[in-house]
Amino acid sequence: MKTWIAVMVAMIWLGAVGCAEQKAAPAPSQRKIQADSDQFFDKMKQEEQEHGTGQGK
């Protein structure tokens, strides 16, 4: 009897977990994307200046 109850509880729990809705992360705004890309390109430019591009040297 205890085994049957344990199996039923496990099935209910797994069913609830499996059916739980996973919330998607909100899409970043256009301003956030632009700021991130500007920051990336500024960092790349700085690294090129520090290390050189390897061209013409």
N, C-alpha and C. Protein backbone atom coordinates (compact mmCIF):
# COMPACT_ATOMS: atom_id res chain seq x y z
N MET A 1 0.81 -1.19 0.00
CA MET A 1 0.00 0.00 0.00
C MET A 1 0.86 1.26 0.00
N LYS A 2 1.94 1.25 0.81
CA LYS A 2 2.82 2.41 0.86
C LYS A 2 3.53 2.62 -0.47
N THR A 3 3.89 1.53 -1.12
CA THR A 3 4.56 1.62 -2.41
C THR A 3 3.63 2.25 -3.44
N TRP A 4 2.37 1.85 -3.42
CA TRP A 4 1.39 2.38 -4.37
C TRP A 4 1.22 3.89 -4.17
N ILE A 5 1.17 4.32 -2.92
CA ILE A 5 1.02 5.74 -2.62
C ILE A 5 2.26 6.51 -3.07
N ALA A 6 3.42 5.93 -2.83
CA ALA A 6 4.67 6.58 -3.23
C ALA A 6 4.73 6.72 -4.75
N VAL A 7 4.29 5.68 -5.47
CA VAL A 7 4.28 5.74 -6.93
C VAL A 7 3.32 6.80 -7.42
N MET A 8 2.16 6.88 -6.82
CA MET A 8 1.17 7.90 -7.22
C MET A 8 1.69 9.31 -6.94
N VAL A 9 2.30 9.51 -5.78
CA VAL A 9 2.85 10.84 -5.46
C VAL A 9 3.95 11.20 -6.46
N ALA A 10 4.80 10.24 -6.78
CA ALA A 10 5.87 10.49 -7.74
C ALA A 10 5.30 10.84 -9.11
N MET A 11 4.26 10.15 -9.55
CA MET A 11 3.67 10.42 -10.85
C MET A 11 3.02 11.80 -10.89
N ILE A 12 2.35 12.16 -9.82
CA ILE A 12 1.73 13.49 -9.76
C ILE A 12 2.80 14.58 -9.77
N TRP A 13 3.85 14.36 -8.99
CA TRP A 13 4.93 15.35 -8.93
C TRP A 13 5.61 15.49 -10.28
N LEU A 14 5.93 14.38 -10.92
CA LEU A 14 6.58 14.43 -12.23
C LEU A 14 5.66 15.06 -13.27
N GLY A 15 4.38 14.79 -13.17
CA GLY A 15 3.43 15.41 -14.10
C GLY A 15 3.37 16.91 -13.91
N ALA A 16 3.39 17.36 -12.67
CA ALA A 16 3.35 18.79 -12.41
C ALA A 16 4.63 19.47 -12.87
N VAL A 17 5.76 18.84 -12.64
CA VAL A 17 7.04 19.42 -13.06
C VAL A 17 7.14 19.42 -14.58
N GLY A 18 6.73 18.36 -15.21
CA GLY A 18 6.82 18.27 -16.66
C GLY A 18 5.89 19.22 -17.38
N CYS A 19 4.78 19.56 -16.77
CA CYS A 19 3.82 20.45 -17.40
C CYS A 19 4.00 21.90 -16.99
N ALA A 20 4.93 22.16 -16.10
CA ALA A 20 5.14 23.53 -15.65
C ALA A 20 5.64 24.38 -16.82
N GLU A 21 5.07 25.55 -16.94
CA GLU A 21 5.44 26.44 -18.04
C GLU A 21 6.75 27.13 -17.70
N GLN A 22 7.68 27.05 -18.62
CA GLN A 22 8.95 27.72 -18.44
C GLN A 22 8.86 29.08 -19.11
N LYS A 23 9.11 30.12 -18.34
CA LYS A 23 9.02 31.47 -18.88
C LYS A 23 10.27 31.79 -19.68
N ALA A 24 10.07 32.29 -20.88
CA ALA A 24 11.19 32.69 -21.72
C ALA A 24 11.69 34.05 -21.26
N ALA A 25 12.97 34.23 -21.39
CA ALA A 25 13.54 35.52 -21.04
C ALA A 25 13.06 36.57 -22.04
N PRO A 26 12.77 37.76 -21.56
CA PRO A 26 12.30 38.79 -22.49
C PRO A 26 13.40 39.18 -23.47
N ALA A 27 13.02 39.50 -24.67
CA ALA A 27 13.98 39.88 -25.70
C ALA A 27 14.61 41.22 -25.32
N PRO A 28 15.91 41.37 -25.56
CA PRO A 28 16.56 42.64 -25.23
C PRO A 28 16.05 43.76 -26.13
N SER A 29 16.04 44.96 -25.61
CA SER A 29 15.56 46.09 -26.40
C SER A 29 16.60 46.47 -27.45
N GLN A 30 16.16 47.22 -28.43
CA GLN A 30 17.06 47.67 -29.50
C GLN A 30 18.19 48.52 -28.92
N ARG A 31 17.87 49.32 -27.91
CA ARG A 31 18.89 50.18 -27.28
C ARG A 31 19.95 49.33 -26.57
N LYS A 32 19.52 48.25 -25.92
CA LYS A 32 20.46 47.36 -25.22
C LYS A 32 21.37 46.65 -26.23
N ILE A 33 20.80 46.20 -27.33
CA ILE A 33 21.60 45.54 -28.37
C ILE A 33 22.63 46.51 -28.93
N GLN A 34 22.21 47.74 -29.20
CA GLN A 34 23.14 48.74 -29.74
C GLN A 34 24.25 49.06 -28.76
N ALA A 35 23.90 49.19 -27.48
CA ALA A 35 24.91 49.49 -26.46
C ALA A 35 25.91 48.34 -26.34
N ASP A 36 25.42 47.11 -26.37
CA ASP A 36 26.31 45.95 -26.28
C ASP A 36 27.25 45.88 -27.49
N SER A 37 26.72 46.12 -28.67
CA SER A 37 27.57 46.05 -29.87
C SER A 37 28.58 47.19 -29.88
N ASP A 38 28.18 48.38 -29.44
CA ASP A 38 29.13 49.50 -29.36
C ASP A 38 30.26 49.17 -28.40
N GLN A 39 29.90 48.60 -27.26
CA GLN A 39 30.91 48.22 -26.27
C GLN A 39 31.86 47.16 -26.84
N PHE A 40 31.32 46.20 -27.57
CA PHE A 40 32.14 45.15 -28.17
C PHE A 40 33.13 45.73 -29.16
N PHE A 41 32.64 46.61 -30.05
CA PHE A 41 33.52 47.18 -31.07
C PHE A 41 34.56 48.11 -30.46
N ASP A 42 34.20 48.83 -29.40
CA ASP A 42 35.18 49.67 -28.71
C ASP A 42 36.28 48.80 -28.10
N LYS A 43 35.91 47.69 -27.53
CA LYS A 43 36.89 46.78 -26.93
C LYS A 43 37.80 46.19 -28.01
N MET A 44 37.20 45.81 -29.15
CA MET A 44 38.00 45.25 -30.24
C MET A 44 38.98 46.29 -30.78
N LYS A 45 38.53 47.53 -30.92
CA LYS A 45 39.39 48.60 -31.41
C LYS A 45 40.55 48.83 -30.46
N GLN A 46 40.26 48.81 -29.15
CA GLN A 46 41.30 49.00 -28.15
C GLN A 46 42.33 47.88 -28.21
N GLU A 47 41.86 46.63 -28.35
CA GLU A 47 42.78 45.50 -28.43
C GLU A 47 43.64 45.56 -29.68
N GLU A 48 43.06 46.01 -30.80
CA GLU A 48 43.84 46.15 -32.03
C GLU A 48 44.93 47.20 -31.86
N GLN A 49 44.61 48.28 -31.17
CA GLN A 49 45.60 49.33 -30.95
C GLN A 49 46.71 48.85 -30.03
N GLU A 50 46.36 48.05 -29.03
CA GLU A 50 47.36 47.55 -28.08
C GLU A 50 48.25 46.49 -28.71
N HIS A 51 47.68 45.60 -29.51
CA HIS A 51 48.42 44.46 -30.03
C HIS A 51 48.73 44.56 -31.51
N GLY A 52 48.14 45.50 -32.19
CA GLY A 52 48.31 45.61 -33.63
C GLY A 52 47.43 44.59 -34.32
N THR A 53 47.13 44.86 -35.56
CA THR A 53 46.25 43.96 -36.31
C THR A 53 47.03 42.86 -37.00
N GLY A 54 48.35 42.99 -37.06
CA GLY A 54 49.15 41.97 -37.72
C GLY A 54 49.29 42.24 -39.21
N GLN A 55 48.67 43.29 -39.69
CA GLN A 55 48.75 43.64 -41.10
C GLN A 55 49.73 44.80 -41.27
N GLY A 56 50.58 44.70 -42.28
CA GLY A 56 51.49 45.77 -42.59
C GLY A 56 52.65 45.89 -41.62
N LYS A 57 52.90 44.91 -40.83
CA LYS A 57 54.01 44.97 -39.88
C LYS A 57 55.01 43.88 -40.13
